[in-house]
Amino acid sequence: MDNKLNEIRRKIRFLRAEMLSAEDNIRKSVNRDEDCAEAAVHLMAMRVVMLGLISERNRLGGEERLLNVDERLKLDVRAAGRKPSNGAPAAKALGLDPGKGAARAIKPRPVKNPAPRSVSAGVEKVRGSRER
């Protein structure tokens, strides 16, 4: 039954992506003042298939509970408010050594060919070398 449930979830994921693409194409057609009746009928047919897949998924016990606004905000605040401690799994997953501090900032390299000096400064050097 888990395989069947996973297969239905995969189909739903694929169908959602296809529906988003169809909606995008419809919006582009509307913006260009083109006829999009065929694409709209196709999108409605995909929605009927989606409803059938969702009801089948729910019948098999794979119903997903939708969160209300307050629950979603609480989850987002918790996720953003957490600070990883030393040795946090996130740091290990990124390949960072938790014992080391922040990475060293990269300093800019010095300019190899500095801007030329003023003409008078160059002339004075040349004059000074001739007088010796």
N, C-alpha and C. Protein backbone atom coordinates (compact mmCIF):
# COMPACT_ATOMS: atom_id res chain seq x y z
N MET A 1 0.83 -1.18 0.00
CA MET A 1 0.00 0.00 0.00
C MET A 1 0.87 1.25 0.00
N ASP A 2 2.04 1.21 0.67
CA ASP A 2 2.93 2.37 0.67
C ASP A 2 3.41 2.69 -0.74
N ASN A 3 3.69 1.63 -1.54
CA ASN A 3 4.12 1.87 -2.91
C ASN A 3 3.03 2.57 -3.71
N LYS A 4 1.80 2.16 -3.52
CA LYS A 4 0.67 2.76 -4.22
C LYS A 4 0.52 4.23 -3.81
N LEU A 5 0.66 4.48 -2.51
CA LEU A 5 0.55 5.83 -1.98
C LEU A 5 1.68 6.72 -2.54
N ASN A 6 2.88 6.20 -2.57
CA ASN A 6 4.01 6.96 -3.11
C ASN A 6 3.84 7.23 -4.60
N GLU A 7 3.29 6.26 -5.31
CA GLU A 7 3.03 6.45 -6.74
C GLU A 7 1.99 7.56 -6.96
N ILE A 8 0.96 7.58 -6.15
CA ILE A 8 -0.07 8.62 -6.26
C ILE A 8 0.55 9.98 -5.94
N ARG A 9 1.37 10.05 -4.90
CA ARG A 9 2.03 11.32 -4.55
C ARG A 9 2.92 11.80 -5.68
N ARG A 10 3.62 10.88 -6.33
CA ARG A 10 4.49 11.25 -7.45
C ARG A 10 3.66 11.81 -8.60
N LYS A 11 2.52 11.16 -8.89
CA LYS A 11 1.64 11.64 -9.95
C LYS A 11 1.09 13.03 -9.63
N ILE A 12 0.72 13.25 -8.37
CA ILE A 12 0.20 14.55 -7.95
C ILE A 12 1.28 15.62 -8.13
N ARG A 13 2.51 15.32 -7.72
CA ARG A 13 3.61 16.28 -7.86
C ARG A 13 3.84 16.63 -9.33
N PHE A 14 3.82 15.62 -10.20
CA PHE A 14 4.02 15.83 -11.63
C PHE A 14 2.88 16.65 -12.22
N LEU A 15 1.66 16.32 -11.81
CA LEU A 15 0.48 17.02 -12.33
C LEU A 15 0.46 18.48 -11.88
N ARG A 16 0.90 18.74 -10.65
CA ARG A 16 0.97 20.13 -10.17
C ARG A 16 1.92 20.94 -11.03
N ALA A 17 3.08 20.38 -11.34
CA ALA A 17 4.05 21.09 -12.17
C ALA A 17 3.48 21.35 -13.56
N GLU A 18 2.80 20.36 -14.11
CA GLU A 18 2.18 20.51 -15.42
C GLU A 18 1.08 21.58 -15.40
N MET A 19 0.30 21.61 -14.33
CA MET A 19 -0.76 22.60 -14.20
C MET A 19 -0.19 24.01 -14.09
N LEU A 20 0.90 24.17 -13.33
CA LEU A 20 1.53 25.49 -13.22
C LEU A 20 2.02 25.97 -14.58
N SER A 21 2.59 25.06 -15.34
CA SER A 21 3.07 25.41 -16.68
C SER A 21 1.90 25.81 -17.58
N ALA A 22 0.79 25.07 -17.50
CA ALA A 22 -0.39 25.39 -18.31
C ALA A 22 -0.97 26.74 -17.92
N GLU A 23 -1.02 27.02 -16.61
CA GLU A 23 -1.53 28.31 -16.15
C GLU A 23 -0.64 29.45 -16.65
N ASP A 24 0.66 29.24 -16.63
CA ASP A 24 1.59 30.24 -17.12
C ASP A 24 1.37 30.51 -18.61
N ASN A 25 1.17 29.44 -19.38
CA ASN A 25 0.91 29.60 -20.81
C ASN A 25 -0.41 30.34 -21.06
N ILE A 26 -1.41 30.07 -20.24
CA ILE A 26 -2.70 30.76 -20.38
C ILE A 26 -2.52 32.25 -20.10
N ARG A 27 -1.77 32.58 -19.04
CA ARG A 27 -1.53 33.99 -18.72
C ARG A 27 -0.82 34.70 -19.87
N LYS A 28 0.17 34.03 -20.45
CA LYS A 28 0.89 34.64 -21.58
C LYS A 28 -0.04 34.86 -22.76
N SER A 29 -0.91 33.88 -23.03
CA SER A 29 -1.87 34.02 -24.14
C SER A 29 -2.83 35.17 -23.89
N VAL A 30 -3.32 35.29 -22.66
CA VAL A 30 -4.24 36.37 -22.32
C VAL A 30 -3.54 37.72 -22.48
N ASN A 31 -2.29 37.81 -22.04
CA ASN A 31 -1.55 39.07 -22.16
C ASN A 31 -1.32 39.47 -23.62
N ARG A 32 -1.26 38.48 -24.51
CA ARG A 32 -1.08 38.77 -25.94
C ARG A 32 -2.42 38.85 -26.67
N ASP A 33 -3.51 38.80 -25.93
CA ASP A 33 -4.87 38.83 -26.50
C ASP A 33 -5.10 37.68 -27.48
N GLU A 34 -4.60 36.49 -27.14
CA GLU A 34 -4.80 35.30 -27.97
C GLU A 34 -5.87 34.42 -27.35
N ASP A 35 -6.42 33.53 -28.15
CA ASP A 35 -7.43 32.59 -27.68
C ASP A 35 -6.76 31.51 -26.84
N CYS A 36 -7.28 31.29 -25.63
CA CYS A 36 -6.70 30.27 -24.76
C CYS A 36 -7.77 29.28 -24.28
N ALA A 37 -8.83 29.14 -25.04
CA ALA A 37 -9.94 28.27 -24.64
C ALA A 37 -9.49 26.82 -24.56
N GLU A 38 -8.70 26.37 -25.54
CA GLU A 38 -8.24 24.99 -25.54
C GLU A 38 -7.37 24.69 -24.32
N ALA A 39 -6.46 25.60 -24.02
CA ALA A 39 -5.57 25.42 -22.87
C ALA A 39 -6.37 25.43 -21.56
N ALA A 40 -7.40 26.28 -21.49
CA ALA A 40 -8.23 26.34 -20.28
C ALA A 40 -9.02 25.05 -20.09
N VAL A 41 -9.54 24.49 -21.17
CA VAL A 41 -10.27 23.21 -21.07
C VAL A 41 -9.32 22.10 -20.63
N HIS A 42 -8.11 22.12 -21.16
CA HIS A 42 -7.11 21.12 -20.77
C HIS A 42 -6.76 21.26 -19.29
N LEU A 43 -6.63 22.50 -18.80
CA LEU A 43 -6.33 22.74 -17.39
C LEU A 43 -7.46 22.23 -16.51
N MET A 44 -8.70 22.45 -16.92
CA MET A 44 -9.84 21.95 -16.13
C MET A 44 -9.84 20.42 -16.09
N ALA A 45 -9.46 19.78 -17.19
CA ALA A 45 -9.38 18.32 -17.20
C ALA A 45 -8.29 17.84 -16.24
N MET A 46 -7.18 18.57 -16.21
CA MET A 46 -6.11 18.20 -15.27
C MET A 46 -6.57 18.36 -13.82
N ARG A 47 -7.40 19.37 -13.56
CA ARG A 47 -7.93 19.56 -12.20
C ARG A 47 -8.84 18.40 -11.80
N VAL A 48 -9.62 17.88 -12.75
CA VAL A 48 -10.49 16.72 -12.46
C VAL A 48 -9.63 15.52 -12.11
N VAL A 49 -8.55 15.30 -12.87
CA VAL A 49 -7.64 14.19 -12.58
C VAL A 49 -7.00 14.39 -11.22
N MET A 50 -6.61 15.64 -10.91
CA MET A 50 -5.98 15.94 -9.62
C MET A 50 -6.92 15.62 -8.47
N LEU A 51 -8.19 16.00 -8.59
CA LEU A 51 -9.16 15.70 -7.54
C LEU A 51 -9.32 14.20 -7.34
N GLY A 52 -9.30 13.44 -8.44
CA GLY A 52 -9.38 11.98 -8.33
C GLY A 52 -8.17 11.40 -7.62
N LEU A 53 -6.99 11.90 -7.95
CA LEU A 53 -5.77 11.42 -7.29
C LEU A 53 -5.76 11.78 -5.80
N ILE A 54 -6.21 12.97 -5.48
CA ILE A 54 -6.25 13.39 -4.07
C ILE A 54 -7.23 12.54 -3.28
N SER A 55 -8.40 12.27 -3.85
CA SER A 55 -9.37 11.43 -3.13
C SER A 55 -8.85 10.01 -2.97
N GLU A 56 -8.14 9.50 -3.97
CA GLU A 56 -7.54 8.15 -3.86
C GLU A 56 -6.45 8.15 -2.78
N ARG A 57 -5.63 9.21 -2.75
CA ARG A 57 -4.59 9.30 -1.73
C ARG A 57 -5.21 9.35 -0.34
N ASN A 58 -6.26 10.13 -0.16
CA ASN A 58 -6.92 10.24 1.14
C ASN A 58 -7.57 8.92 1.54
N ARG A 59 -8.12 8.20 0.57
CA ARG A 59 -8.74 6.90 0.84
C ARG A 59 -7.71 5.90 1.36
N LEU A 60 -6.47 6.01 0.85
CA LEU A 60 -5.41 5.09 1.29
C LEU A 60 -4.75 5.52 2.60
N GLY A 61 -5.19 6.64 3.16
CA GLY A 61 -4.66 7.08 4.45
C GLY A 61 -3.50 8.05 4.34
N GLY A 62 -3.30 8.63 3.19
CA GLY A 62 -2.20 9.56 3.02
C GLY A 62 -2.62 11.00 3.09
N GLU A 63 -3.74 11.26 3.77
CA GLU A 63 -4.28 12.61 3.83
C GLU A 63 -3.27 13.54 4.50
N GLU A 64 -3.08 14.70 3.92
CA GLU A 64 -2.17 15.69 4.47
C GLU A 64 -2.98 16.81 5.08
N ARG A 65 -2.69 17.11 6.31
CA ARG A 65 -3.42 18.15 7.03
C ARG A 65 -2.90 19.51 6.58
N LEU A 66 -3.82 20.40 6.20
CA LEU A 66 -3.45 21.74 5.81
C LEU A 66 -3.40 22.64 7.03
N LEU A 67 -2.33 23.41 7.16
CA LEU A 67 -2.17 24.31 8.30
C LEU A 67 -2.92 25.61 8.05
N ASN A 68 -3.46 26.18 9.14
CA ASN A 68 -4.08 27.49 8.98
C ASN A 68 -2.98 28.56 9.07
N VAL A 69 -3.36 29.81 8.94
CA VAL A 69 -2.38 30.90 8.87
C VAL A 69 -1.56 30.98 10.15
N ASP A 70 -2.20 30.88 11.31
CA ASP A 70 -1.48 30.98 12.58
C ASP A 70 -0.45 29.86 12.72
N GLU A 71 -0.82 28.65 12.36
CA GLU A 71 0.11 27.52 12.45
C GLU A 71 1.30 27.70 11.51
N ARG A 72 1.04 28.20 10.30
CA ARG A 72 2.13 28.43 9.35
C ARG A 72 3.08 29.51 9.86
N LEU A 73 2.53 30.58 10.42
CA LEU A 73 3.38 31.65 10.95
C LEU A 73 4.24 31.16 12.11
N LYS A 74 3.66 30.33 12.97
CA LYS A 74 4.43 29.78 14.10
C LYS A 74 5.58 28.92 13.59
N LEU A 75 5.32 28.12 12.55
CA LEU A 75 6.39 27.28 12.00
C LEU A 75 7.49 28.13 11.38
N ASP A 76 7.13 29.17 10.65
CA ASP A 76 8.12 30.03 10.01
C ASP A 76 8.95 30.77 11.04
N VAL A 77 8.31 31.25 12.13
CA VAL A 77 9.05 31.97 13.17
C VAL A 77 10.03 31.03 13.85
N ARG A 78 9.60 29.83 14.15
CA ARG A 78 10.49 28.86 14.80
C ARG A 78 11.67 28.54 13.92
N ALA A 79 11.43 28.35 12.63
CA ALA A 79 12.52 27.99 11.73
C ALA A 79 13.51 29.14 11.60
N ALA A 80 13.02 30.39 11.54
CA ALA A 80 13.92 31.54 11.38
C ALA A 80 14.59 31.91 12.69
N GLY A 81 13.95 31.64 13.83
CA GLY A 81 14.48 32.04 15.12
C GLY A 81 15.55 31.13 15.68
N ARG A 82 15.67 29.95 15.19
CA ARG A 82 16.65 29.01 15.72
C ARG A 82 18.05 29.40 15.30
N LYS A 83 18.96 29.34 16.26
CA LYS A 83 20.36 29.58 15.97
C LYS A 83 21.10 28.27 16.20
N PRO A 84 21.88 27.82 15.23
CA PRO A 84 22.60 26.56 15.42
C PRO A 84 23.66 26.70 16.50
N SER A 85 23.73 25.72 17.36
CA SER A 85 24.78 25.72 18.38
C SER A 85 26.03 25.08 17.81
N ASN A 86 27.14 25.11 18.56
CA ASN A 86 28.36 24.48 18.07
C ASN A 86 28.11 23.01 17.81
N GLY A 87 28.56 22.55 16.67
CA GLY A 87 28.39 21.14 16.32
C GLY A 87 26.99 20.84 15.83
N ALA A 88 26.29 21.85 15.37
CA ALA A 88 24.93 21.64 14.88
C ALA A 88 24.97 20.77 13.63
N PRO A 89 23.96 19.93 13.42
CA PRO A 89 23.96 19.07 12.24
C PRO A 89 24.00 19.86 10.94
N ALA A 90 23.43 21.07 10.93
CA ALA A 90 23.45 21.87 9.71
C ALA A 90 24.87 22.24 9.33
N ALA A 91 25.69 22.57 10.33
CA ALA A 91 27.07 22.92 10.06
C ALA A 91 27.85 21.72 9.54
N LYS A 92 27.57 20.56 10.10
CA LYS A 92 28.25 19.35 9.64
C LYS A 92 27.82 19.00 8.22
N ALA A 93 26.53 19.21 7.92
CA ALA A 93 26.04 18.89 6.58
C ALA A 93 26.67 19.79 5.54
N LEU A 94 27.00 21.02 5.92
CA LEU A 94 27.62 21.94 4.98
C LEU A 94 29.13 21.75 4.91
N GLY A 95 29.66 20.86 5.72
CA GLY A 95 31.09 20.60 5.69
C GLY A 95 31.89 21.62 6.48
N LEU A 96 31.25 22.33 7.40
CA LEU A 96 31.93 23.32 8.21
C LEU A 96 32.39 22.69 9.51
N ASP A 97 33.54 23.11 9.98
CA ASP A 97 34.05 22.62 11.25
C ASP A 97 33.46 23.50 12.33
N PRO A 98 32.64 22.95 13.26
CA PRO A 98 31.99 23.78 14.25
C PRO A 98 32.98 24.43 15.21
N GLY A 99 34.20 23.94 15.34
CA GLY A 99 35.18 24.50 16.26
C GLY A 99 35.81 25.76 15.74
N LYS A 100 35.77 25.99 14.46
CA LYS A 100 36.41 27.17 13.88
C LYS A 100 35.43 28.32 13.81
N GLY A 101 35.96 29.53 13.80
CA GLY A 101 35.13 30.74 13.72
C GLY A 101 34.66 30.97 12.30
N ALA A 102 34.22 32.19 12.06
CA ALA A 102 33.74 32.54 10.74
C ALA A 102 34.89 32.54 9.74
N ALA A 103 34.58 32.37 8.50
CA ALA A 103 35.60 32.34 7.47
C ALA A 103 36.25 33.71 7.34
N ARG A 104 37.53 33.73 6.96
CA ARG A 104 38.29 34.96 6.83
C ARG A 104 37.83 35.70 5.60
N ALA A 105 37.68 37.01 5.73
CA ALA A 105 37.25 37.83 4.60
C ALA A 105 38.39 37.93 3.59
N ILE A 106 38.07 37.93 2.33
CA ILE A 106 39.08 38.04 1.28
C ILE A 106 39.41 39.50 1.08
N LYS A 107 40.72 39.82 1.17
CA LYS A 107 41.15 41.20 1.01
C LYS A 107 41.38 41.49 -0.46
N PRO A 108 41.12 42.70 -0.88
CA PRO A 108 41.36 43.03 -2.29
C PRO A 108 42.86 43.05 -2.58
N ARG A 109 43.22 42.65 -3.77
CA ARG A 109 44.63 42.66 -4.17
C ARG A 109 45.06 44.07 -4.51
N PRO A 110 46.35 44.38 -4.29
CA PRO A 110 46.82 45.72 -4.67
C PRO A 110 46.83 45.87 -6.19
N VAL A 111 46.71 47.08 -6.65
CA VAL A 111 46.71 47.37 -8.08
C VAL A 111 48.13 47.19 -8.61
N LYS A 112 48.30 46.39 -9.66
CA LYS A 112 49.63 46.13 -10.20
C LYS A 112 50.15 47.31 -10.99
N ASN A 113 49.32 47.95 -11.75
CA ASN A 113 49.73 49.11 -12.55
C ASN A 113 49.02 50.34 -12.00
N PRO A 114 49.66 51.04 -11.05
CA PRO A 114 48.99 52.21 -10.49
C PRO A 114 48.84 53.30 -11.55
N ALA A 115 47.95 54.23 -11.29
CA ALA A 115 47.71 55.32 -12.24
C ALA A 115 48.99 56.12 -12.44
N PRO A 116 49.24 56.59 -13.65
CA PRO A 116 50.48 57.36 -13.89
C PRO A 116 50.48 58.66 -13.11
N ARG A 117 51.69 59.07 -12.76
CA ARG A 117 51.83 60.32 -12.01
C ARG A 117 51.54 61.49 -12.92
N SER A 118 51.44 62.64 -12.32
CA SER A 118 51.19 63.82 -13.14
C SER A 118 52.39 64.08 -14.05
N VAL A 119 52.18 64.77 -15.13
CA VAL A 119 53.22 65.02 -16.11
C VAL A 119 54.36 65.82 -15.50
N SER A 120 54.04 66.80 -14.68
CA SER A 120 55.08 67.66 -14.10
C SER A 120 55.99 66.86 -13.17
N ALA A 121 55.45 65.90 -12.43
CA ALA A 121 56.28 65.10 -11.52
C ALA A 121 57.27 64.28 -12.32
N GLY A 122 56.85 63.74 -13.45
CA GLY A 122 57.76 62.96 -14.27
C GLY A 122 58.84 63.82 -14.90
N VAL A 123 58.48 65.03 -15.28
CA VAL A 123 59.44 65.94 -15.90
C VAL A 123 60.49 66.36 -14.89
N GLU A 124 60.08 66.61 -13.64
CA GLU A 124 61.03 67.02 -12.62
C GLU A 124 62.05 65.93 -12.36
N LYS A 125 61.62 64.69 -12.34
CA LYS A 125 62.55 63.59 -12.12
C LYS A 125 63.55 63.54 -13.25
N VAL A 126 63.08 63.71 -14.47
CA VAL A 126 63.95 63.64 -15.63
C VAL A 126 64.94 64.81 -15.58
N ARG A 127 64.49 65.99 -15.26
CA ARG A 127 65.35 67.16 -15.16
C ARG A 127 66.38 66.97 -14.06
N GLY A 128 65.92 66.42 -12.94
CA GLY A 128 66.84 66.21 -11.82
C GLY A 128 67.93 65.23 -12.16
N SER A 129 67.63 64.21 -12.95
CA SER A 129 68.62 63.22 -13.30
C SER A 129 69.62 63.78 -14.31
N ARG A 130 69.23 64.72 -15.15
CA ARG A 130 70.11 65.33 -16.13
C ARG A 130 71.08 66.30 -15.46
N GLU A 131 70.63 66.97 -14.44
CA GLU A 131 71.46 67.97 -13.79
C GLU A 131 72.60 67.34 -13.03
N ARG A 132 72.57 66.16 -12.66
CA ARG A 132 73.61 65.52 -11.85
C ARG A 132 74.82 65.27 -12.61
